[in-house]
């Protein structure tokens, strides 16, 4: 079949298209949950407030399902082919956010109180569990030849997320963390699901094995670059953009990518930062500001920015190697640029 070439959309237009495509399927899936889990999940997605009244909260950018849908188009498939996979990816992602907020004790996400902050720790954990279980149900009910393979792919990605989160938590109590350890943690915690989002889209779209693997690598590199940017925003981001308090990661002494790069830089600033990070109590606002300055002076911020550029270049090499359809390729490139240039 000859490809009909139309003008590519901007990244913002792609995200709006993805959100419009995914929301009805996402709501339909969440509506099948038991009442208590459904209530917390709907609050987390911004569909209603804590009392169950309709709200217009921010449900997030939906970058991962957009990657899934575009990957399907890139190999010649369509939105309908990949919609169950995209829905499952978004459910798994939000399961990880609900649990991440609990583990980090973050009070806000997307400019409103987090689910655990409103409903309590244990109910939020249970709601997160319900979301990941629901993802597998959506795939199993998809009625697609690729459904069984999709279940295996999402299972592997979910296990990687859990492993990455465990490493992230373990780092908090460890005196020394190597950069390579931190990179492996971030690749599992964030890169694995983006890799899966692209690969499963290609599988549901009928892509050839080599296309699936190149798109998987594209997503993995993009996911790791995305985490670098996220870590930079966690230190220097504008709360109006991030939806989280400034320096929240530093106050918790979180060993994120730029922090670890700074600590292991063998510089005076890096050694001072390592000493400042000793202890169990949260850093004061003044100490957190000082830590941010030390990370910058030790080269941690510059290192992360260089990694973003290198990872984006590698991701785009894999995208080209997948020989995608031209419009989908342009839109995947635009989405990658947006994901890695979020005011960092």
C-alpha atoms as a PDB file:
ATOM      1  CA  UNK A   1       0.000   0.000   0.000  1.00  0.00           C
ATOM      2  CA  UNK A   2       1.399   3.423  -0.969  1.00  0.00           C
ATOM      3  CA  UNK A   3       1.935   5.819   1.905  1.00  0.00           C
ATOM      4  CA  UNK A   4      -0.203   8.958   1.687  1.00  0.00           C
ATOM      5  CA  UNK A   5       2.077  11.764   2.824  1.00  0.00           C
ATOM      6  CA  UNK A   6       0.463  14.611   4.742  1.00  0.00           C
ATOM      7  CA  UNK A   7       2.063  17.457   6.653  1.00  0.00           C
ATOM      8  CA  UNK A   8       3.391  16.382  10.065  1.00  0.00           C
ATOM      9  CA  UNK A   9       1.758  17.788  13.179  1.00  0.00           C
ATOM     10  CA  UNK A  10       3.621  19.676  15.878  1.00  0.00           C
ATOM     11  CA  UNK A  11       4.474  17.864  19.103  1.00  0.00           C
ATOM     12  CA  UNK A  12       1.710  19.757  20.916  1.00  0.00           C
ATOM     13  CA  UNK A  13      -0.790  18.723  18.259  1.00  0.00           C
ATOM     14  CA  UNK A  14       0.362  15.113  18.530  1.00  0.00           C
ATOM     15  CA  UNK A  15      -0.115  15.147  22.304  1.00  0.00           C
ATOM     16  CA  UNK A  16      -3.602  16.629  21.949  1.00  0.00           C
ATOM     17  CA  UNK A  17      -4.439  13.940  19.371  1.00  0.00           C
ATOM     18  CA  UNK A  18      -3.075  11.236  21.628  1.00  0.00           C
ATOM     19  CA  UNK A  19      -5.026  12.505  24.625  1.00  0.00           C
ATOM     20  CA  UNK A  20      -8.233  12.640  22.585  1.00  0.00           C
ATOM     21  CA  UNK A  21      -7.661   9.066  21.387  1.00  0.00           C
ATOM     22  CA  UNK A  22      -6.665   7.577  24.731  1.00  0.00           C
ATOM     23  CA  UNK A  23      -9.037   9.274  27.172  1.00  0.00           C
ATOM     24  CA  UNK A  24     -12.266   7.409  26.267  1.00  0.00           C
ATOM     25  CA  UNK A  25     -10.477   4.047  26.428  1.00  0.00           C
ATOM     26  CA  UNK A  26      -8.742   5.013  29.665  1.00  0.00           C
ATOM     27  CA  UNK A  27     -11.967   6.136  31.308  1.00  0.00           C
ATOM     28  CA  UNK A  28     -13.774   3.006  30.150  1.00  0.00           C
ATOM     29  CA  UNK A  29     -11.043   0.843  31.671  1.00  0.00           C
ATOM     30  CA  UNK A  30     -10.972   2.730  34.995  1.00  0.00           C
ATOM     31  CA  UNK A  31     -14.768   2.532  35.187  1.00  0.00           C
ATOM     32  CA  UNK A  32     -14.449  -1.260  35.514  1.00  0.00           C
ATOM     33  CA  UNK A  33     -12.496  -0.956  38.781  1.00  0.00           C
ATOM     34  CA  UNK A  34     -14.163  -1.528  42.158  1.00  0.00           C
ATOM     35  CA  UNK A  35     -15.620   1.704  43.545  1.00  0.00           C
ATOM     36  CA  UNK A  36     -12.857   2.547  46.042  1.00  0.00           C
ATOM     37  CA  UNK A  37      -9.996   2.054  43.568  1.00  0.00           C
ATOM     38  CA  UNK A  38     -11.958   3.810  40.826  1.00  0.00           C
ATOM     39  CA  UNK A  39     -12.471   6.850  43.062  1.00  0.00           C
ATOM     40  CA  UNK A  40      -8.767   7.230  43.849  1.00  0.00           C
ATOM     41  CA  UNK A  41      -7.671   6.517  40.268  1.00  0.00           C
ATOM     42  CA  UNK A  42     -10.096   9.060  38.835  1.00  0.00           C
ATOM     43  CA  UNK A  43      -8.856  11.656  41.305  1.00  0.00           C
ATOM     44  CA  UNK A  44      -5.251  10.925  40.299  1.00  0.00           C
ATOM     45  CA  UNK A  45      -6.118  11.334  36.609  1.00  0.00           C
ATOM     46  CA  UNK A  46      -7.764  14.675  37.399  1.00  0.00           C
ATOM     47  CA  UNK A  47     -11.273  13.645  36.358  1.00  0.00           C
ATOM     48  CA  UNK A  48     -12.879  14.473  39.697  1.00  0.00           C
ATOM     49  CA  UNK A  49     -12.044  15.893  43.097  1.00  0.00           C
ATOM     50  CA  UNK A  50     -11.701  14.004  46.370  1.00  0.00           C
ATOM     51  CA  UNK A  51     -15.489  14.063  46.821  1.00  0.00           C
ATOM     52  CA  UNK A  52     -16.104  12.602  43.367  1.00  0.00           C
ATOM     53  CA  UNK A  53     -17.292  15.848  41.808  1.00  0.00           C
ATOM     54  CA  UNK A  54     -16.314  16.468  38.180  1.00  0.00           C
ATOM     55  CA  UNK A  55     -13.048  18.365  37.898  1.00  0.00           C
ATOM     56  CA  UNK A  56     -10.732  19.509  35.154  1.00  0.00           C
ATOM     57  CA  UNK A  57      -7.422  18.452  36.585  1.00  0.00           C
ATOM     58  CA  UNK A  58      -4.254  17.928  34.585  1.00  0.00           C
ATOM     59  CA  UNK A  59      -4.011  14.298  33.496  1.00  0.00           C
ATOM     60  CA  UNK A  60      -0.427  14.677  32.281  1.00  0.00           C
ATOM     61  CA  UNK A  61       1.015  14.998  28.786  1.00  0.00           C
ATOM     62  CA  UNK A  62       0.354  11.376  27.764  1.00  0.00           C
ATOM     63  CA  UNK A  63       3.750  11.186  26.045  1.00  0.00           C
ATOM     64  CA  UNK A  64       4.032   7.414  26.405  1.00  0.00           C
ATOM     65  CA  UNK A  65       0.722   6.502  24.731  1.00  0.00           C
ATOM     66  CA  UNK A  66       1.537   9.038  22.017  1.00  0.00           C
ATOM     67  CA  UNK A  67       4.777   7.141  21.390  1.00  0.00           C
ATOM     68  CA  UNK A  68       2.817   3.880  21.197  1.00  0.00           C
ATOM     69  CA  UNK A  69       0.305   5.212  18.687  1.00  0.00           C
ATOM     70  CA  UNK A  70       2.994   6.873  16.560  1.00  0.00           C
ATOM     71  CA  UNK A  71       5.162   3.743  16.599  1.00  0.00           C
ATOM     72  CA  UNK A  72       2.201   1.781  15.229  1.00  0.00           C
ATOM     73  CA  UNK A  73       1.740   4.348  12.473  1.00  0.00           C
ATOM     74  CA  UNK A  74       5.488   4.358  11.794  1.00  0.00           C
ATOM     75  CA  UNK A  75       5.359   0.676  10.760  1.00  0.00           C
ATOM     76  CA  UNK A  76       2.152   0.971   8.758  1.00  0.00           C
ATOM     77  CA  UNK A  77      -0.495   0.305  11.416  1.00  0.00           C
ATOM     78  CA  UNK A  78      -3.218   2.556  12.750  1.00  0.00           C
ATOM     79  CA  UNK A  79      -4.560   4.049  15.957  1.00  0.00           C
ATOM     80  CA  UNK A  80      -7.243   1.385  16.345  1.00  0.00           C
ATOM     81  CA  UNK A  81      -4.583  -1.339  16.142  1.00  0.00           C
ATOM     82  CA  UNK A  82      -2.519   0.092  18.980  1.00  0.00           C
ATOM     83  CA  UNK A  83      -5.141   1.717  21.226  1.00  0.00           C
ATOM     84  CA  UNK A  84      -5.299  -1.170  23.756  1.00  0.00           C
ATOM     85  CA  UNK A  85      -1.500  -1.150  24.001  1.00  0.00           C
ATOM     86  CA  UNK A  86      -1.417   2.628  24.468  1.00  0.00           C
ATOM     87  CA  UNK A  87      -4.088   2.383  27.176  1.00  0.00           C
ATOM     88  CA  UNK A  88      -2.124  -0.299  29.005  1.00  0.00           C
ATOM     89  CA  UNK A  89       1.061   1.773  28.827  1.00  0.00           C
ATOM     90  CA  UNK A  90      -0.686   4.797  30.324  1.00  0.00           C
ATOM     91  CA  UNK A  91      -2.159   2.681  33.126  1.00  0.00           C
ATOM     92  CA  UNK A  92       1.252   1.240  34.020  1.00  0.00           C
ATOM     93  CA  UNK A  93       2.829   4.690  33.934  1.00  0.00           C
ATOM     94  CA  UNK A  94       0.228   6.110  36.298  1.00  0.00           C
ATOM     95  CA  UNK A  95       0.564   3.124  38.619  1.00  0.00           C
ATOM     96  CA  UNK A  96       4.250   4.013  38.907  1.00  0.00           C
ATOM     97  CA  UNK A  97       3.441   7.686  39.574  1.00  0.00           C
ATOM     98  CA  UNK A  98       0.999   6.871  42.373  1.00  0.00           C
ATOM     99  CA  UNK A  99       3.567   4.599  44.018  1.00  0.00           C
ATOM    100  CA  UNK A 100       6.443   7.025  43.385  1.00  0.00           C
ATOM    101  CA  UNK A 101       4.536   9.811  45.152  1.00  0.00           C
ATOM    102  CA  UNK A 102       4.044   7.529  48.160  1.00  0.00           C
ATOM    103  CA  UNK A 103       7.713   6.518  48.319  1.00  0.00           C
ATOM    104  CA  UNK A 104       8.976  10.077  47.905  1.00  0.00           C
ATOM    105  CA  UNK A 105       6.220  11.549  50.111  1.00  0.00           C
ATOM    106  CA  UNK A 106       5.593  14.165  47.433  1.00  0.00           C
ATOM    107  CA  UNK A 107       2.644  16.323  48.516  1.00  0.00           C
ATOM    108  CA  UNK A 108       1.762  17.602  45.036  1.00  0.00           C
ATOM    109  CA  UNK A 109       1.613  16.353  41.462  1.00  0.00           C
ATOM    110  CA  UNK A 110       0.192  18.190  38.461  1.00  0.00           C
ATOM    111  CA  UNK A 111      -0.553  21.217  40.656  1.00  0.00           C
ATOM    112  CA  UNK A 112      -2.846  19.399  43.109  1.00  0.00           C
ATOM    113  CA  UNK A 113      -2.406  17.221  46.214  1.00  0.00           C
ATOM    114  CA  UNK A 114      -1.187  13.701  45.452  1.00  0.00           C
ATOM    115  CA  UNK A 115      -3.473  10.685  45.888  1.00  0.00           C
ATOM    116  CA  UNK A 116      -1.723   9.465  49.055  1.00  0.00           C
ATOM    117  CA  UNK A 117      -1.883  12.961  50.532  1.00  0.00           C
ATOM    118  CA  UNK A 118      -5.672  13.007  50.082  1.00  0.00           C
ATOM    119  CA  UNK A 119      -6.680   9.380  50.651  1.00  0.00           C
ATOM    120  CA  UNK A 120      -3.791   8.007  52.732  1.00  0.00           C
ATOM    121  CA  UNK A 121      -0.746   5.887  51.994  1.00  0.00           C
ATOM    122  CA  UNK A 122      -2.322   2.432  52.052  1.00  0.00           C
ATOM    123  CA  UNK A 123      -5.351   3.292  49.869  1.00  0.00           C
ATOM    124  CA  UNK A 124      -3.036   4.963  47.331  1.00  0.00           C
ATOM    125  CA  UNK A 125      -0.801   1.884  47.183  1.00  0.00           C
ATOM    126  CA  UNK A 126      -3.823  -0.318  46.599  1.00  0.00           C
ATOM    127  CA  UNK A 127      -5.119   1.992  43.855  1.00  0.00           C
ATOM    128  CA  UNK A 128      -1.719   1.880  42.158  1.00  0.00           C
ATOM    129  CA  UNK A 129      -1.824  -1.916  42.287  1.00  0.00           C
ATOM    130  CA  UNK A 130      -5.293  -1.828  40.729  1.00  0.00           C
ATOM    131  CA  UNK A 131      -4.036   0.281  37.830  1.00  0.00           C
ATOM    132  CA  UNK A 132      -1.207  -2.088  36.908  1.00  0.00           C
ATOM    133  CA  UNK A 133      -3.508  -5.105  37.167  1.00  0.00           C
ATOM    134  CA  UNK A 134      -6.003  -3.304  34.955  1.00  0.00           C
ATOM    135  CA  UNK A 135      -3.298  -2.766  32.308  1.00  0.00           C
ATOM    136  CA  UNK A 136      -2.892  -6.515  31.882  1.00  0.00           C
ATOM    137  CA  UNK A 137      -6.650  -6.943  31.671  1.00  0.00           C
ATOM    138  CA  UNK A 138      -6.861  -4.368  28.892  1.00  0.00           C
ATOM    139  CA  UNK A 139      -4.206  -6.217  26.906  1.00  0.00           C
ATOM    140  CA  UNK A 140      -5.765  -9.632  27.526  1.00  0.00           C
ATOM    141  CA  UNK A 141      -9.152  -8.363  26.342  1.00  0.00           C
ATOM    142  CA  UNK A 142      -7.750  -6.612  23.274  1.00  0.00           C
ATOM    143  CA  UNK A 143      -8.611  -9.408  20.878  1.00  0.00           C
ATOM    144  CA  UNK A 144      -5.414  -8.794  18.906  1.00  0.00           C
ATOM    145  CA  UNK A 145      -2.949 -11.454  17.714  1.00  0.00           C
ATOM    146  CA  UNK A 146      -0.216  -9.462  19.471  1.00  0.00           C
ATOM    147  CA  UNK A 147      -2.002  -9.438  22.852  1.00  0.00           C
ATOM    148  CA  UNK A 148      -0.032 -12.273  24.467  1.00  0.00           C
ATOM    149  CA  UNK A 149       3.271 -10.807  23.333  1.00  0.00           C
ATOM    150  CA  UNK A 150       2.088  -7.427  24.589  1.00  0.00           C
ATOM    151  CA  UNK A 151       1.366  -8.858  28.031  1.00  0.00           C
ATOM    152  CA  UNK A 152       4.898 -10.253  28.186  1.00  0.00           C
ATOM    153  CA  UNK A 153       6.386  -6.922  27.090  1.00  0.00           C
ATOM    154  CA  UNK A 154       4.448  -4.899  29.654  1.00  0.00           C
ATOM    155  CA  UNK A 155       5.283  -7.439  32.357  1.00  0.00           C
ATOM    156  CA  UNK A 156       9.002  -7.086  31.626  1.00  0.00           C
ATOM    157  CA  UNK A 157       8.759  -3.285  31.654  1.00  0.00           C
ATOM    158  CA  UNK A 158       6.815  -3.297  34.917  1.00  0.00           C
ATOM    159  CA  UNK A 159       9.410  -5.548  36.557  1.00  0.00           C
ATOM    160  CA  UNK A 160      12.129  -3.160  35.375  1.00  0.00           C
ATOM    161  CA  UNK A 161      10.269  -0.176  36.855  1.00  0.00           C
ATOM    162  CA  UNK A 162       9.999  -1.960  40.217  1.00  0.00           C
ATOM    163  CA  UNK A 163      13.692  -2.862  40.105  1.00  0.00           C
ATOM    164  CA  UNK A 164      14.609   0.738  39.279  1.00  0.00           C
ATOM    165  CA  UNK A 165      12.445   2.095  42.079  1.00  0.00           C
ATOM    166  CA  UNK A 166      14.023  -0.322  44.563  1.00  0.00           C
ATOM    167  CA  UNK A 167      17.489   0.830  43.497  1.00  0.00           C
ATOM    168  CA  UNK A 168      16.415   4.466  43.810  1.00  0.00           C
ATOM    169  CA  UNK A 169      15.245   3.838  47.377  1.00  0.00           C
ATOM    170  CA  UNK A 170      18.394   1.879  48.233  1.00  0.00           C
ATOM    171  CA  UNK A 171      20.561   4.775  47.035  1.00  0.00           C
ATOM    172  CA  UNK A 172      19.036   7.035  49.706  1.00  0.00           C
ATOM    173  CA  UNK A 173      20.724   5.031  52.437  1.00  0.00           C
ATOM    174  CA  UNK A 174      23.986   4.368  50.602  1.00  0.00           C
ATOM    175  CA  UNK A 175      26.949   6.615  51.207  1.00  0.00           C
ATOM    176  CA  UNK A 176      28.473   6.270  47.720  1.00  0.00           C
ATOM    177  CA  UNK A 177      26.696   5.708  44.404  1.00  0.00           C
ATOM    178  CA  UNK A 178      28.561   5.328  41.112  1.00  0.00           C
ATOM    179  CA  UNK A 179      27.340   7.157  38.041  1.00  0.00           C
ATOM    180  CA  UNK A 180      26.993   3.830  36.220  1.00  0.00           C
ATOM    181  CA  UNK A 181      24.723   2.519  39.005  1.00  0.00           C
ATOM    182  CA  UNK A 182      22.592   5.644  38.805  1.00  0.00           C
ATOM    183  CA  UNK A 183      22.316   5.394  35.025  1.00  0.00           C
ATOM    184  CA  UNK A 184      21.225   1.755  35.275  1.00  0.00           C
ATOM    185  CA  UNK A 185      18.618   2.728  37.848  1.00  0.00           C
ATOM    186  CA  UNK A 186      17.225   5.510  35.644  1.00  0.00           C
ATOM    187  CA  UNK A 187      17.235   3.282  32.553  1.00  0.00           C
ATOM    188  CA  UNK A 188      15.087   0.782  34.441  1.00  0.00           C
ATOM    189  CA  UNK A 189      12.836   3.232  36.272  1.00  0.00           C
ATOM    190  CA  UNK A 190      12.070   5.465  33.290  1.00  0.00           C
ATOM    191  CA  UNK A 191      13.713   4.137  30.136  1.00  0.00           C
ATOM    192  CA  UNK A 192      12.123   0.672  30.261  1.00  0.00           C
ATOM    193  CA  UNK A 193       8.534   1.873  29.929  1.00  0.00           C
ATOM    194  CA  UNK A 194       9.328   4.320  27.118  1.00  0.00           C
ATOM    195  CA  UNK A 195      11.178   1.530  25.322  1.00  0.00           C
ATOM    196  CA  UNK A 196       8.174  -0.720  25.820  1.00  0.00           C
ATOM    197  CA  UNK A 197       5.767   2.004  24.679  1.00  0.00           C
ATOM    198  CA  UNK A 198       7.543   2.258  21.322  1.00  0.00           C
ATOM    199  CA  UNK A 199       8.163  -1.464  20.860  1.00  0.00           C
ATOM    200  CA  UNK A 200       4.615  -2.524  21.736  1.00  0.00           C
ATOM    201  CA  UNK A 201       3.218   0.067  19.350  1.00  0.00           C
ATOM    202  CA  UNK A 202       5.355  -1.382  16.581  1.00  0.00           C
ATOM    203  CA  UNK A 203       4.261  -4.924  17.483  1.00  0.00           C
ATOM    204  CA  UNK A 204       0.545  -4.032  17.491  1.00  0.00           C
ATOM    205  CA  UNK A 205       1.066  -2.082  14.256  1.00  0.00           C
ATOM    206  CA  UNK A 206       2.494  -5.149  12.536  1.00  0.00           C
ATOM    207  CA  UNK A 207       6.108  -4.043  12.364  1.00  0.00           C
ATOM    208  CA  UNK A 208       9.005  -6.239  11.303  1.00  0.00           C
ATOM    209  CA  UNK A 209      11.323  -7.558  14.063  1.00  0.00           C
ATOM    210  CA  UNK A 210      14.109  -5.141  13.185  1.00  0.00           C
ATOM    211  CA  UNK A 211      11.670  -2.215  13.296  1.00  0.00           C
ATOM    212  CA  UNK A 212      10.430  -3.294  16.713  1.00  0.00           C
ATOM    213  CA  UNK A 213      13.967  -3.475  18.086  1.00  0.00           C
ATOM    214  CA  UNK A 214      15.095  -0.129  16.649  1.00  0.00           C
ATOM    215  CA  UNK A 215      11.976   1.565  17.992  1.00  0.00           C
ATOM    216  CA  UNK A 216      12.568  -0.109  21.355  1.00  0.00           C
ATOM    217  CA  UNK A 217      16.099   1.344  21.415  1.00  0.00           C
ATOM    218  CA  UNK A 218      14.744   4.744  20.343  1.00  0.00           C
ATOM    219  CA  UNK A 219      12.352   4.708  23.298  1.00  0.00           C
ATOM    220  CA  UNK A 220      14.992   3.506  25.750  1.00  0.00           C
ATOM    221  CA  UNK A 221      17.413   6.298  24.853  1.00  0.00           C
ATOM    222  CA  UNK A 222      14.606   8.829  24.912  1.00  0.00           C
ATOM    223  CA  UNK A 223      13.453   7.586  28.323  1.00  0.00           C
ATOM    224  CA  UNK A 224      16.894   7.952  29.859  1.00  0.00           C
ATOM    225  CA  UNK A 225      17.253  11.440  28.369  1.00  0.00           C
ATOM    226  CA  UNK A 226      13.793  12.246  29.747  1.00  0.00           C
ATOM    227  CA  UNK A 227      14.961  11.225  33.250  1.00  0.00           C
ATOM    228  CA  UNK A 228      17.992  13.481  32.998  1.00  0.00           C
ATOM    229  CA  UNK A 229      15.689  16.385  32.186  1.00  0.00           C
ATOM    230  CA  UNK A 230      13.306  15.385  34.976  1.00  0.00           C
ATOM    231  CA  UNK A 231      16.172  15.361  37.460  1.00  0.00           C
ATOM    232  CA  UNK A 232      17.322  18.794  36.311  1.00  0.00           C
ATOM    233  CA  UNK A 233      13.796  20.130  36.694  1.00  0.00           C
ATOM    234  CA  UNK A 234      13.603  18.530  40.140  1.00  0.00           C
ATOM    235  CA  UNK A 235      16.448  20.833  41.178  1.00  0.00           C
ATOM    236  CA  UNK A 236      16.034  23.967  39.076  1.00  0.00           C
ATOM    237  CA  UNK A 237      12.548  23.666  37.626  1.00  0.00           C
ATOM    238  CA  UNK A 238       9.851  26.285  37.998  1.00  0.00           C
ATOM    239  CA  UNK A 239       7.071  24.920  40.253  1.00  0.00           C
ATOM    240  CA  UNK A 240       4.562  26.534  37.889  1.00  0.00           C
ATOM    241  CA  UNK A 241       5.873  24.146  35.195  1.00  0.00           C
ATOM    242  CA  UNK A 242       6.689  21.049  37.257  1.00  0.00           C
ATOM    243  CA  UNK A 243       3.712  21.111  39.618  1.00  0.00           C
ATOM    244  CA  UNK A 244       6.090  20.265  42.501  1.00  0.00           C
ATOM    245  CA  UNK A 245       7.773  22.420  45.170  1.00  0.00           C
ATOM    246  CA  UNK A 246      11.199  23.789  44.276  1.00  0.00           C
ATOM    247  CA  UNK A 247      14.189  21.711  45.483  1.00  0.00           C
ATOM    248  CA  UNK A 248      11.910  18.885  46.648  1.00  0.00           C
ATOM    249  CA  UNK A 249      14.431  16.236  45.522  1.00  0.00           C
ATOM    250  CA  UNK A 250      17.335  17.975  47.244  1.00  0.00           C
ATOM    251  CA  UNK A 251      15.547  18.370  50.556  1.00  0.00           C
ATOM    252  CA  UNK A 252      15.113  14.576  50.584  1.00  0.00           C
ATOM    253  CA  UNK A 253      18.820  14.124  49.729  1.00  0.00           C
ATOM    254  CA  UNK A 254      17.756  12.264  46.580  1.00  0.00           C
ATOM    255  CA  UNK A 255      20.695  10.887  44.598  1.00  0.00           C
ATOM    256  CA  UNK A 256      19.518  11.782  41.120  1.00  0.00           C
ATOM    257  CA  UNK A 257      21.674  11.755  37.992  1.00  0.00           C
ATOM    258  CA  UNK A 258      23.173  15.285  38.220  1.00  0.00           C
ATOM    259  CA  UNK A 259      23.642  14.896  41.975  1.00  0.00           C
ATOM    260  CA  UNK A 260      25.629  11.665  41.611  1.00  0.00           C
ATOM    261  CA  UNK A 261      27.654  13.134  38.748  1.00  0.00           C
ATOM    262  CA  UNK A 262      28.541  16.091  40.959  1.00  0.00           C
ATOM    263  CA  UNK A 263      29.373  13.935  43.991  1.00  0.00           C
ATOM    264  CA  UNK A 264      31.743  11.736  41.994  1.00  0.00           C
ATOM    265  CA  UNK A 265      33.384  14.637  40.128  1.00  0.00           C
ATOM    266  CA  UNK A 266      36.466  14.764  42.396  1.00  0.00           C
ATOM    267  CA  UNK A 267      35.972  18.510  42.826  1.00  0.00           C
ATOM    268  CA  UNK A 268      35.859  20.657  45.954  1.00  0.00           C
ATOM    269  CA  UNK A 269      32.196  21.399  45.308  1.00  0.00           C
ATOM    270  CA  UNK A 270      31.450  17.703  44.803  1.00  0.00           C
ATOM    271  CA  UNK A 271      33.098  16.748  48.085  1.00  0.00           C
ATOM    272  CA  UNK A 272      31.224  19.495  49.918  1.00  0.00           C
ATOM    273  CA  UNK A 273      27.973  18.259  48.393  1.00  0.00           C
ATOM    274  CA  UNK A 274      28.704  14.684  49.537  1.00  0.00           C
ATOM    275  CA  UNK A 275      29.315  15.952  53.075  1.00  0.00           C
ATOM    276  CA  UNK A 276      26.127  18.026  52.993  1.00  0.00           C
ATOM    277  CA  UNK A 277      24.142  14.950  51.936  1.00  0.00           C
ATOM    278  CA  UNK A 278      25.233  12.984  55.029  1.00  0.00           C
ATOM    279  CA  UNK A 279      22.465  12.547  57.579  1.00  0.00           C
ATOM    280  CA  UNK A 280      18.845  11.483  57.694  1.00  0.00           C
ATOM    281  CA  UNK A 281      16.830  14.649  58.251  1.00  0.00           C
ATOM    282  CA  UNK A 282      15.547  16.656  55.270  1.00  0.00           C
ATOM    283  CA  UNK A 283      17.766  19.519  54.173  1.00  0.00           C
ATOM    284  CA  UNK A 284      16.652  23.015  55.128  1.00  0.00           C
ATOM    285  CA  UNK A 285      15.629  25.417  52.373  1.00  0.00           C
ATOM    286  CA  UNK A 286      18.964  27.217  52.716  1.00  0.00           C
ATOM    287  CA  UNK A 287      20.938  23.963  52.538  1.00  0.00           C
ATOM    288  CA  UNK A 288      18.917  22.830  49.510  1.00  0.00           C
ATOM    289  CA  UNK A 289      19.714  26.071  47.711  1.00  0.00           C
ATOM    290  CA  UNK A 290      23.383  25.619  48.584  1.00  0.00           C
ATOM    291  CA  UNK A 291      23.279  22.029  47.341  1.00  0.00           C
ATOM    292  CA  UNK A 292      21.886  23.221  43.996  1.00  0.00           C
ATOM    293  CA  UNK A 293      24.772  25.687  43.670  1.00  0.00           C
ATOM    294  CA  UNK A 294      27.302  22.954  44.529  1.00  0.00           C
ATOM    295  CA  UNK A 295      25.830  20.587  41.904  1.00  0.00           C
ATOM    296  CA  UNK A 296      26.174  23.318  39.305  1.00  0.00           C
ATOM    297  CA  UNK A 297      29.740  24.232  40.334  1.00  0.00           C
ATOM    298  CA  UNK A 298      30.783  20.560  40.355  1.00  0.00           C
ATOM    299  CA  UNK A 299      29.557  20.137  36.784  1.00  0.00           C
ATOM    300  CA  UNK A 300      26.561  17.898  37.515  1.00  0.00           C
ATOM    301  CA  UNK A 301      24.065  20.033  35.598  1.00  0.00           C
ATOM    302  CA  UNK A 302      26.349  20.424  32.585  1.00  0.00           C
ATOM    303  CA  UNK A 303      27.006  16.667  32.526  1.00  0.00           C
ATOM    304  CA  UNK A 304      23.300  15.844  32.500  1.00  0.00           C
ATOM    305  CA  UNK A 305      22.661  18.332  29.710  1.00  0.00           C
ATOM    306  CA  UNK A 306      25.430  16.764  27.621  1.00  0.00           C
ATOM    307  CA  UNK A 307      23.927  13.325  28.235  1.00  0.00           C
ATOM    308  CA  UNK A 308      20.550  14.554  27.029  1.00  0.00           C
ATOM    309  CA  UNK A 309      22.100  15.682  23.734  1.00  0.00           C
ATOM    310  CA  UNK A 310      24.025  12.419  23.276  1.00  0.00           C
ATOM    311  CA  UNK A 311      21.032  10.234  24.105  1.00  0.00           C
ATOM    312  CA  UNK A 312      18.745  12.203  21.822  1.00  0.00           C
ATOM    313  CA  UNK A 313      21.231  11.789  18.960  1.00  0.00           C
ATOM    314  CA  UNK A 314      21.414   8.032  19.601  1.00  0.00           C
ATOM    315  CA  UNK A 315      17.625   7.784  19.770  1.00  0.00           C
ATOM    316  CA  UNK A 316      17.260   9.520  16.425  1.00  0.00           C
ATOM    317  CA  UNK A 317      19.815   7.190  14.848  1.00  0.00           C
ATOM    318  CA  UNK A 318      17.639   4.250  15.916  1.00  0.00           C
ATOM    319  CA  UNK A 319      14.531   5.995  14.649  1.00  0.00           C
ATOM    320  CA  UNK A 320      16.064   6.417  11.204  1.00  0.00           C
ATOM    321  CA  UNK A 321      17.276   2.802  11.226  1.00  0.00           C
ATOM    322  CA  UNK A 322      13.691   1.621  11.779  1.00  0.00           C
ATOM    323  CA  UNK A 323      12.801   3.054   8.350  1.00  0.00           C
ATOM    324  CA  UNK A 324       9.527   4.495   9.596  1.00  0.00           C
ATOM    325  CA  UNK A 325       6.860   6.134   7.499  1.00  0.00           C
ATOM    326  CA  UNK A 326       7.818   9.730   6.942  1.00  0.00           C
ATOM    327  CA  UNK A 327       5.070  11.610   8.764  1.00  0.00           C
ATOM    328  CA  UNK A 328       5.257   9.356  11.817  1.00  0.00           C
ATOM    329  CA  UNK A 329       9.057   9.752  11.816  1.00  0.00           C
ATOM    330  CA  UNK A 330       8.759  13.539  11.790  1.00  0.00           C
ATOM    331  CA  UNK A 331       6.228  13.439  14.601  1.00  0.00           C
ATOM    332  CA  UNK A 332       8.283  11.038  16.708  1.00  0.00           C
ATOM    333  CA  UNK A 333      11.268  13.360  16.234  1.00  0.00           C
ATOM    334  CA  UNK A 334       9.161  16.361  17.304  1.00  0.00           C
ATOM    335  CA  UNK A 335       7.896  14.487  20.350  1.00  0.00           C
ATOM    336  CA  UNK A 336      11.442  13.482  21.306  1.00  0.00           C
ATOM    337  CA  UNK A 337      12.568  17.102  21.062  1.00  0.00           C
ATOM    338  CA  UNK A 338       9.693  18.264  23.247  1.00  0.00           C
ATOM    339  CA  UNK A 339      10.312  15.554  25.862  1.00  0.00           C
ATOM    340  CA  UNK A 340      13.982  16.475  26.191  1.00  0.00           C
ATOM    341  CA  UNK A 341      13.704  20.271  26.073  1.00  0.00           C
ATOM    342  CA  UNK A 342      11.292  21.060  28.908  1.00  0.00           C
ATOM    343  CA  UNK A 343      12.811  24.358  30.053  1.00  0.00           C
ATOM    344  CA  UNK A 344      15.939  22.723  31.453  1.00  0.00           C
END
